[in-house]
C-alpha atoms as a PDB file:
ATOM      1  CA  MET A   1      -0.336   0.008   0.416  1.00  0.00           C
ATOM      2  CA  ASP A   2       0.948   3.277  -0.696  1.00  0.00           C
ATOM      3  CA  ASP A   3       0.500   6.875  -0.706  1.00  0.00           C
ATOM      4  CA  LYS A   4      -1.853   6.881  -3.799  1.00  0.00           C
ATOM      5  CA  ASP A   5      -3.698   4.473  -2.107  1.00  0.00           C
ATOM      6  CA  LEU A   6      -4.398   5.843   0.941  1.00  0.00           C
ATOM      7  CA  LYS A   7      -5.612   9.021  -0.677  1.00  0.00           C
ATOM      8  CA  ILE A   8      -7.853   6.821  -2.344  1.00  0.00           C
ATOM      9  CA  LEU A   9      -9.521   4.866   0.119  1.00  0.00           C
ATOM     10  CA  LYS A  10      -9.476   8.416   2.485  1.00  0.00           C
ATOM     11  CA  GLN A  11     -11.452   9.841  -0.266  1.00  0.00           C
ATOM     12  CA  VAL A  12     -13.459   6.204  -0.558  1.00  0.00           C
ATOM     13  CA  GLN A  13     -13.993   6.171   3.459  1.00  0.00           C
ATOM     14  CA  ARG A  14     -16.272   9.667   2.912  1.00  0.00           C
ATOM     15  CA  ASN A  15     -17.958   8.875   0.020  1.00  0.00           C
ATOM     16  CA  ALA A  16     -17.819   5.743  -1.337  1.00  0.00           C
ATOM     17  CA  ARG A  17     -20.200   6.499  -4.891  1.00  0.00           C
ATOM     18  CA  LEU A  18     -16.939   8.831  -5.868  1.00  0.00           C
ATOM     19  CA  THR A  19     -16.172   6.785 -10.045  1.00  0.00           C
ATOM     20  CA  ALA A  20     -12.749   6.388 -10.892  1.00  0.00           C
ATOM     21  CA  GLU A  21     -12.962   9.538 -13.275  1.00  0.00           C
ATOM     22  CA  ALA A  22     -13.433  11.772 -10.408  1.00  0.00           C
ATOM     23  CA  LEU A  23     -11.085   9.962  -8.004  1.00  0.00           C
ATOM     24  CA  SER A  24      -8.126   9.986 -10.950  1.00  0.00           C
ATOM     25  CA  ALA A  25      -8.817  13.902 -11.532  1.00  0.00           C
ATOM     26  CA  GLU A  26      -8.627  14.604  -7.659  1.00  0.00           C
ATOM     27  CA  LEU A  27      -5.063  12.031  -7.177  1.00  0.00           C
ATOM     28  CA  GLY A  28      -3.810  12.571 -10.883  1.00  0.00           C
ATOM     29  CA  LEU A  29      -3.787   8.676 -11.765  1.00  0.00           C
ATOM     30  CA  SER A  30      -5.585   7.439 -15.137  1.00  0.00           C
ATOM     31  CA  PRO A  31      -9.189   6.031 -14.261  1.00  0.00           C
ATOM     32  CA  ALA A  32      -7.879   2.310 -15.263  1.00  0.00           C
ATOM     33  CA  ALA A  33      -5.010   2.723 -12.331  1.00  0.00           C
ATOM     34  CA  VAL A  34      -8.110   4.079  -9.750  1.00  0.00           C
ATOM     35  CA  GLN A  35      -9.912   1.329 -10.889  1.00  0.00           C
ATOM     36  CA  LYS A  36      -7.448  -1.407 -10.361  1.00  0.00           C
ATOM     37  CA  ARG A  37      -5.954  -0.133  -7.289  1.00  0.00           C
ATOM     38  CA  LEU A  38      -9.452  -0.260  -5.669  1.00  0.00           C
ATOM     39  CA  LYS A  39     -10.560  -3.877  -6.855  1.00  0.00           C
ATOM     40  CA  ARG A  40      -7.425  -4.901  -4.739  1.00  0.00           C
ATOM     41  CA  LEU A  41      -8.267  -3.108  -1.978  1.00  0.00           C
ATOM     42  CA  ARG A  42     -11.324  -4.960  -2.599  1.00  0.00           C
ATOM     43  CA  GLU A  43     -10.462  -8.027  -3.019  1.00  0.00           C
ATOM     44  CA  THR A  44      -7.193  -7.543  -0.011  1.00  0.00           C
ATOM     45  CA  GLY A  45     -10.345  -7.045   2.229  1.00  0.00           C
ATOM     46  CA  VAL A  46      -8.367  -3.648   3.378  1.00  0.00           C
ATOM     47  CA  ILE A  47     -12.268  -2.216   1.977  1.00  0.00           C
ATOM     48  CA  GLU A  48     -14.540  -3.905   3.951  1.00  0.00           C
ATOM     49  CA  ARG A  49     -17.596  -3.294   2.507  1.00  0.00           C
ATOM     50  CA  GLU A  50     -19.491  -0.330   0.795  1.00  0.00           C
ATOM     51  CA  ILE A  51     -22.363   0.877   2.967  1.00  0.00           C
ATOM     52  CA  ALA A  52     -25.020   3.802   2.990  1.00  0.00           C
ATOM     53  CA  VAL A  53     -25.232   5.039   6.040  1.00  0.00           C
ATOM     54  CA  LEU A  54     -29.354   6.441   6.547  1.00  0.00           C
ATOM     55  CA  SER A  55     -30.566   8.786   8.302  1.00  0.00           C
ATOM     56  CA  ALA A  56     -32.174   7.976  11.477  1.00  0.00           C
ATOM     57  CA  ALA A  57     -34.432  10.837  12.324  1.00  0.00           C
ATOM     58  CA  LYS A  58     -35.870  10.404   8.700  1.00  0.00           C
ATOM     59  CA  LEU A  59     -36.109   6.593  10.041  1.00  0.00           C
ATOM     60  CA  ARG A  60     -37.832   7.321  13.336  1.00  0.00           C
ATOM     61  CA  ARG A  61     -35.122   5.612  15.432  1.00  0.00           C
ATOM     62  CA  GLU A  62     -33.574   9.095  17.001  1.00  0.00           C
ATOM     63  CA  MET A  63     -33.511   7.719  20.409  1.00  0.00           C
ATOM     64  CA  THR A  64     -29.324   6.679  20.799  1.00  0.00           C
ATOM     65  CA  VAL A  65     -28.781   4.365  24.189  1.00  0.00           C
ATOM     66  CA  ILE A  66     -24.868   3.366  24.656  1.00  0.00           C
ATOM     67  CA  VAL A  67     -25.354   0.188  26.939  1.00  0.00           C
ATOM     68  CA  GLU A  68     -22.315  -1.227  29.503  1.00  0.00           C
ATOM     69  CA  VAL A  69     -23.403  -5.130  29.550  1.00  0.00           C
ATOM     70  CA  ILE A  70     -21.963  -7.265  32.394  1.00  0.00           C
ATOM     71  CA  LEU A  71     -21.823 -11.112  31.965  1.00  0.00           C
ATOM     72  CA  GLU A  72     -23.060 -13.648  34.896  1.00  0.00           C
ATOM     73  CA  ARG A  73     -20.397 -15.834  32.955  1.00  0.00           C
ATOM     74  CA  GLU A  74     -17.870 -15.626  30.398  1.00  0.00           C
ATOM     75  CA  SER A  75     -17.039 -18.698  28.904  1.00  0.00           C
ATOM     76  CA  ARG A  76     -16.590 -18.788  25.186  1.00  0.00           C
ATOM     77  CA  GLN A  77     -19.951 -20.294  24.920  1.00  0.00           C
ATOM     78  CA  HIS A  78     -21.663 -18.015  27.129  1.00  0.00           C
ATOM     79  CA  LEU A  79     -19.829 -15.037  25.240  1.00  0.00           C
ATOM     80  CA  ASP A  80     -20.749 -16.683  21.725  1.00  0.00           C
ATOM     81  CA  ALA A  81     -24.196 -17.390  22.685  1.00  0.00           C
ATOM     82  CA  PHE A  82     -24.503 -13.349  23.339  1.00  0.00           C
ATOM     83  CA  LYS A  83     -22.880 -12.475  20.113  1.00  0.00           C
ATOM     84  CA  GLN A  84     -24.551 -14.091  18.416  1.00  0.00           C
ATOM     85  CA  ARG A  85     -27.989 -12.959  19.684  1.00  0.00           C
ATOM     86  CA  MET A  86     -26.073  -9.105  19.360  1.00  0.00           C
ATOM     87  CA  ARG A  87     -25.518  -9.586  16.041  1.00  0.00           C
ATOM     88  CA  ALA A  88     -29.125 -10.468  15.382  1.00  0.00           C
ATOM     89  CA  SER A  89     -31.140  -7.969  16.979  1.00  0.00           C
ATOM     90  CA  PRO A  90     -32.118  -5.293  14.459  1.00  0.00           C
ATOM     91  CA  GLN A  91     -31.867  -2.226  17.248  1.00  0.00           C
ATOM     92  CA  VAL A  92     -28.058  -2.669  17.759  1.00  0.00           C
ATOM     93  CA  GLN A  93     -25.628  -0.763  15.679  1.00  0.00           C
ATOM     94  CA  GLN A  94     -22.550  -1.225  17.281  1.00  0.00           C
ATOM     95  CA  CYS A  95     -21.583  -3.926  19.657  1.00  0.00           C
ATOM     96  CA  TYR A  96     -18.063  -4.378  21.077  1.00  0.00           C
ATOM     97  CA  TYR A  97     -17.030  -6.887  23.664  1.00  0.00           C
ATOM     98  CA  ALA A  98     -14.140  -4.591  25.780  1.00  0.00           C
ATOM     99  CA  THR A  99     -12.167  -4.640  28.674  1.00  0.00           C
ATOM    100  CA  GLY A 100     -12.978  -3.035  31.619  1.00  0.00           C
ATOM    101  CA  ALA A 101     -16.209  -2.853  34.001  1.00  0.00           C
ATOM    102  CA  ALA A 102     -17.996  -3.692  31.230  1.00  0.00           C
ATOM    103  CA  ASP A 103     -17.887  -7.227  28.767  1.00  0.00           C
ATOM    104  CA  PHE A 104     -19.888  -5.425  26.162  1.00  0.00           C
ATOM    105  CA  ILE A 105     -20.757  -2.362  25.195  1.00  0.00           C
ATOM    106  CA  LEU A 106     -23.814  -1.254  23.244  1.00  0.00           C
ATOM    107  CA  ILE A 107     -25.105   1.178  20.577  1.00  0.00           C
ATOM    108  CA  VAL A 108     -28.431   0.696  20.237  1.00  0.00           C
ATOM    109  CA  VAL A 109     -30.771   2.725  17.881  1.00  0.00           C
ATOM    110  CA  VAL A 110     -34.650   3.115  18.693  1.00  0.00           C
ATOM    111  CA  GLN A 111     -37.492   4.498  17.699  1.00  0.00           C
ATOM    112  CA  ASP A 112     -38.383   5.200  22.162  1.00  0.00           C
ATOM    113  CA  ILE A 113     -38.306   4.370  25.334  1.00  0.00           C
ATOM    114  CA  THR A 114     -41.242   1.815  24.836  1.00  0.00           C
ATOM    115  CA  GLU A 115     -38.568  -0.155  22.062  1.00  0.00           C
ATOM    116  CA  TYR A 116     -36.347   0.751  24.238  1.00  0.00           C
ATOM    117  CA  GLN A 117     -37.792  -1.300  26.721  1.00  0.00           C
ATOM    118  CA  ALA A 118     -38.759  -4.725  24.853  1.00  0.00           C
ATOM    119  CA  PHE A 119     -35.730  -4.359  23.853  1.00  0.00           C
ATOM    120  CA  THR A 120     -34.130  -5.017  27.187  1.00  0.00           C
ATOM    121  CA  GLN A 121     -36.647  -7.387  28.951  1.00  0.00           C
ATOM    122  CA  GLU A 122     -36.104  -9.518  25.558  1.00  0.00           C
ATOM    123  CA  HIS A 123     -31.713  -9.109  25.749  1.00  0.00           C
ATOM    124  CA  PHE A 124     -31.099  -8.918  29.351  1.00  0.00           C
ATOM    125  CA  PHE A 125     -33.925  -9.549  31.936  1.00  0.00           C
ATOM    126  CA  ASP A 126     -35.001 -12.668  30.266  1.00  0.00           C
ATOM    127  CA  GLU A 127     -31.597 -13.387  29.089  1.00  0.00           C
ATOM    128  CA  SER A 128     -30.179 -15.350  32.628  1.00  0.00           C
ATOM    129  CA  ASN A 129     -26.282 -14.441  32.014  1.00  0.00           C
ATOM    130  CA  VAL A 130     -26.361 -10.920  31.880  1.00  0.00           C
ATOM    131  CA  SER A 131     -25.713 -10.232  35.563  1.00  0.00           C
ATOM    132  CA  ARG A 132     -26.433  -6.171  35.041  1.00  0.00           C
ATOM    133  CA  PHE A 133     -26.630  -3.520  32.755  1.00  0.00           C
ATOM    134  CA  ASN A 134     -26.196   0.161  32.495  1.00  0.00           C
ATOM    135  CA  SER A 135     -27.689   2.936  30.004  1.00  0.00           C
ATOM    136  CA  SER A 136     -26.713   6.059  28.924  1.00  0.00           C
ATOM    137  CA  VAL A 137     -28.899   7.856  26.716  1.00  0.00           C
ATOM    138  CA  VAL A 138     -27.465  10.651  23.875  1.00  0.00           C
ATOM    139  CA  MET A 139     -28.642  13.644  24.004  1.00  0.00           C
ATOM    140  CA  GLU A 140     -27.143  14.661  20.641  1.00  0.00           C
ATOM    141  CA  ARG A 141     -24.710  13.337  18.165  1.00  0.00           C
ATOM    142  CA  VAL A 142     -21.452  15.468  18.872  1.00  0.00           C
ATOM    143  CA  LYS A 143     -19.419  13.700  16.101  1.00  0.00           C
ATOM    144  CA  VAL A 144     -20.378   9.981  13.898  1.00  0.00           C
ATOM    145  CA  SER A 145     -17.520   8.826  12.267  1.00  0.00           C
ATOM    146  CA  LEU A 146     -16.502   5.137  11.034  1.00  0.00           C
ATOM    147  CA  ASP A 147     -13.138   6.835   9.366  1.00  0.00           C
ATOM    148  CA  VAL A 148     -10.526   4.910   9.859  1.00  0.00           C
ATOM    149  CA  LEU A 149      -7.714   7.455   8.006  1.00  0.00           C
END
Protein backbone atom coordinates (compact mmCIF):
# COMPACT_ATOMS: atom_id res chain seq x y z
CA MET A 1 0.00 0.00 0.00
CA ASP A 2 1.41 3.38 -0.99
CA ASP A 3 0.45 7.04 -0.64
CA LYS A 4 -1.88 6.87 -3.65
CA ASP A 5 -3.79 3.96 -2.06
CA LEU A 6 -4.11 5.92 1.18
CA LYS A 7 -5.43 8.95 -0.71
CA ILE A 8 -7.98 6.76 -2.49
CA LEU A 9 -9.04 5.24 0.82
CA LYS A 10 -9.46 8.66 2.45
CA GLN A 11 -11.78 9.72 -0.35
CA VAL A 12 -13.89 6.56 -0.60
CA GLN A 13 -14.40 6.25 3.15
CA ARG A 14 -16.22 9.58 3.00
CA ASN A 15 -18.03 8.92 -0.28
CA ALA A 16 -18.04 5.39 -1.71
CA ARG A 17 -19.97 6.59 -4.76
CA LEU A 18 -17.06 8.58 -6.19
CA THR A 19 -16.31 7.41 -9.70
CA ALA A 20 -12.87 6.34 -10.85
CA GLU A 21 -12.89 9.43 -13.07
CA ALA A 22 -13.52 11.76 -10.11
CA LEU A 23 -10.83 10.05 -8.06
CA SER A 24 -8.36 10.08 -10.94
CA ALA A 25 -8.74 13.82 -11.42
CA GLU A 26 -8.00 14.43 -7.76
CA LEU A 27 -5.10 11.98 -7.49
CA GLY A 28 -3.37 12.42 -10.83
CA LEU A 29 -3.90 8.78 -11.86
CA SER A 30 -5.75 7.38 -14.85
CA PRO A 31 -9.28 6.04 -14.20
CA ALA A 32 -8.03 2.56 -15.12
CA ALA A 33 -5.25 2.80 -12.52
CA VAL A 34 -7.75 3.92 -9.87
CA GLN A 35 -10.10 1.05 -10.75
CA LYS A 36 -7.22 -1.43 -10.52
CA ARG A 37 -6.21 -0.10 -7.11
CA LEU A 38 -9.80 -0.15 -5.83
CA LYS A 39 -10.23 -3.73 -7.01
CA ARG A 40 -7.07 -4.80 -5.17
CA LEU A 41 -8.10 -2.93 -2.01
CA ARG A 42 -11.48 -4.72 -2.05
CA GLU A 43 -10.02 -8.14 -2.81
CA THR A 44 -7.43 -7.89 -0.02
CA GLY A 45 -10.07 -6.81 2.50
CA VAL A 46 -8.71 -3.31 3.10
CA ILE A 47 -12.12 -2.10 1.92
CA GLU A 48 -14.41 -4.42 3.87
CA ARG A 49 -17.71 -3.20 2.43
CA GLU A 50 -19.43 -0.16 1.00
CA ILE A 51 -22.58 0.95 2.76
CA ALA A 52 -25.30 3.56 2.73
CA VAL A 53 -25.57 5.64 5.91
CA LEU A 54 -29.26 6.08 6.64
CA SER A 55 -30.89 8.98 8.46
CA ALA A 56 -32.10 7.70 11.83
CA ALA A 57 -34.31 10.78 12.18
CA LYS A 58 -36.07 10.26 8.86
CA LEU A 59 -36.64 6.60 9.72
CA ARG A 60 -38.02 7.53 13.16
CA ARG A 61 -35.19 5.82 15.04
CA GLU A 62 -33.98 8.90 16.85
CA MET A 63 -33.10 7.47 20.25
CA THR A 64 -29.53 6.22 20.65
CA VAL A 65 -28.54 4.40 23.83
CA ILE A 66 -25.03 3.41 24.88
CA VAL A 67 -25.29 0.25 26.96
CA GLU A 68 -22.65 -1.41 29.11
CA VAL A 69 -23.40 -5.08 29.73
CA ILE A 70 -21.83 -7.27 32.38
CA LEU A 71 -22.24 -11.02 32.00
CA GLU A 72 -22.58 -13.50 34.83
CA ARG A 73 -20.36 -16.08 33.12
CA GLU A 74 -17.71 -15.53 30.42
CA SER A 75 -17.13 -18.99 29.02
CA ARG A 76 -16.57 -19.15 25.29
CA GLN A 77 -20.04 -20.67 24.88
CA HIS A 78 -21.72 -17.84 26.81
CA LEU A 79 -19.72 -15.14 25.02
CA ASP A 80 -20.51 -16.61 21.61
CA ALA A 81 -24.21 -16.90 22.46
CA PHE A 82 -24.38 -13.25 23.56
CA LYS A 83 -22.46 -12.08 20.48
CA GLN A 84 -24.81 -14.01 18.21
CA ARG A 85 -27.91 -12.49 19.84
CA MET A 86 -26.47 -8.99 19.45
CA ARG A 87 -25.57 -9.60 15.79
CA ALA A 88 -29.14 -10.75 15.15
CA SER A 89 -30.79 -7.78 16.88
CA PRO A 90 -31.79 -5.01 14.45
CA GLN A 91 -31.65 -2.42 17.24
CA VAL A 92 -27.95 -3.06 17.90
CA GLN A 93 -25.95 -0.82 15.62
CA GLN A 94 -22.58 -1.64 17.15
CA CYS A 95 -21.40 -4.23 19.67
CA TYR A 96 -17.94 -4.34 21.22
CA TYR A 97 -16.46 -7.04 23.45
CA ALA A 98 -14.27 -4.88 25.66
CA THR A 99 -11.91 -4.74 28.60
CA GLY A 100 -12.79 -2.78 31.71
CA ALA A 101 -15.81 -2.86 33.99
CA ALA A 102 -18.25 -3.95 31.28
CA ASP A 103 -17.92 -7.06 29.14
CA PHE A 104 -19.78 -5.53 26.19
CA ILE A 105 -20.50 -2.01 25.03
CA LEU A 106 -23.47 -1.61 22.70
CA ILE A 107 -24.77 1.23 20.57
CA VAL A 108 -28.52 0.69 20.36
CA VAL A 109 -30.82 2.70 18.08
CA VAL A 110 -34.55 2.64 18.80
CA GLN A 111 -37.65 4.67 18.08
CA ASP A 112 -38.44 5.55 21.70
CA ILE A 113 -38.18 4.46 25.32
CA THR A 114 -40.95 1.90 24.84
CA GLU A 115 -38.95 0.10 22.17
CA TYR A 116 -35.82 0.29 24.34
CA GLN A 117 -37.74 -1.18 27.27
CA ALA A 118 -38.86 -4.09 25.08
CA PHE A 119 -35.26 -4.54 23.90
CA THR A 120 -33.95 -4.70 27.47
CA GLN A 121 -36.68 -7.12 28.47
CA GLU A 122 -35.85 -9.48 25.62
CA HIS A 123 -32.06 -9.28 25.70
CA PHE A 124 -31.19 -8.50 29.32
CA PHE A 125 -33.99 -9.31 31.77
CA ASP A 126 -34.99 -12.54 30.03
CA GLU A 127 -31.33 -13.61 29.66
CA SER A 128 -29.99 -15.44 32.72
CA ASN A 129 -26.35 -14.75 31.82
CA VAL A 130 -26.70 -10.95 31.95
CA SER A 131 -25.64 -9.92 35.45
CA ARG A 132 -26.45 -6.23 34.95
CA PHE A 133 -26.43 -3.42 32.42
CA ASN A 134 -26.07 0.34 32.47
CA SER A 135 -27.77 2.61 29.92
CA SER A 136 -26.83 6.12 28.82
CA VAL A 137 -29.26 7.89 26.53
CA VAL A 138 -27.51 10.08 23.96
CA MET A 139 -28.69 13.68 24.12
CA GLU A 140 -26.81 14.94 21.06
CA ARG A 141 -24.72 13.33 18.33
CA VAL A 142 -21.57 15.43 18.43
CA LYS A 143 -19.52 13.29 16.03
CA VAL A 144 -20.42 10.09 14.26
CA SER A 145 -17.87 8.57 11.92
CA LEU A 146 -16.52 5.30 10.70
CA ASP A 147 -13.41 6.96 9.23
CA VAL A 148 -10.14 5.15 9.91
CA LEU A 149 -7.88 7.56 8.02
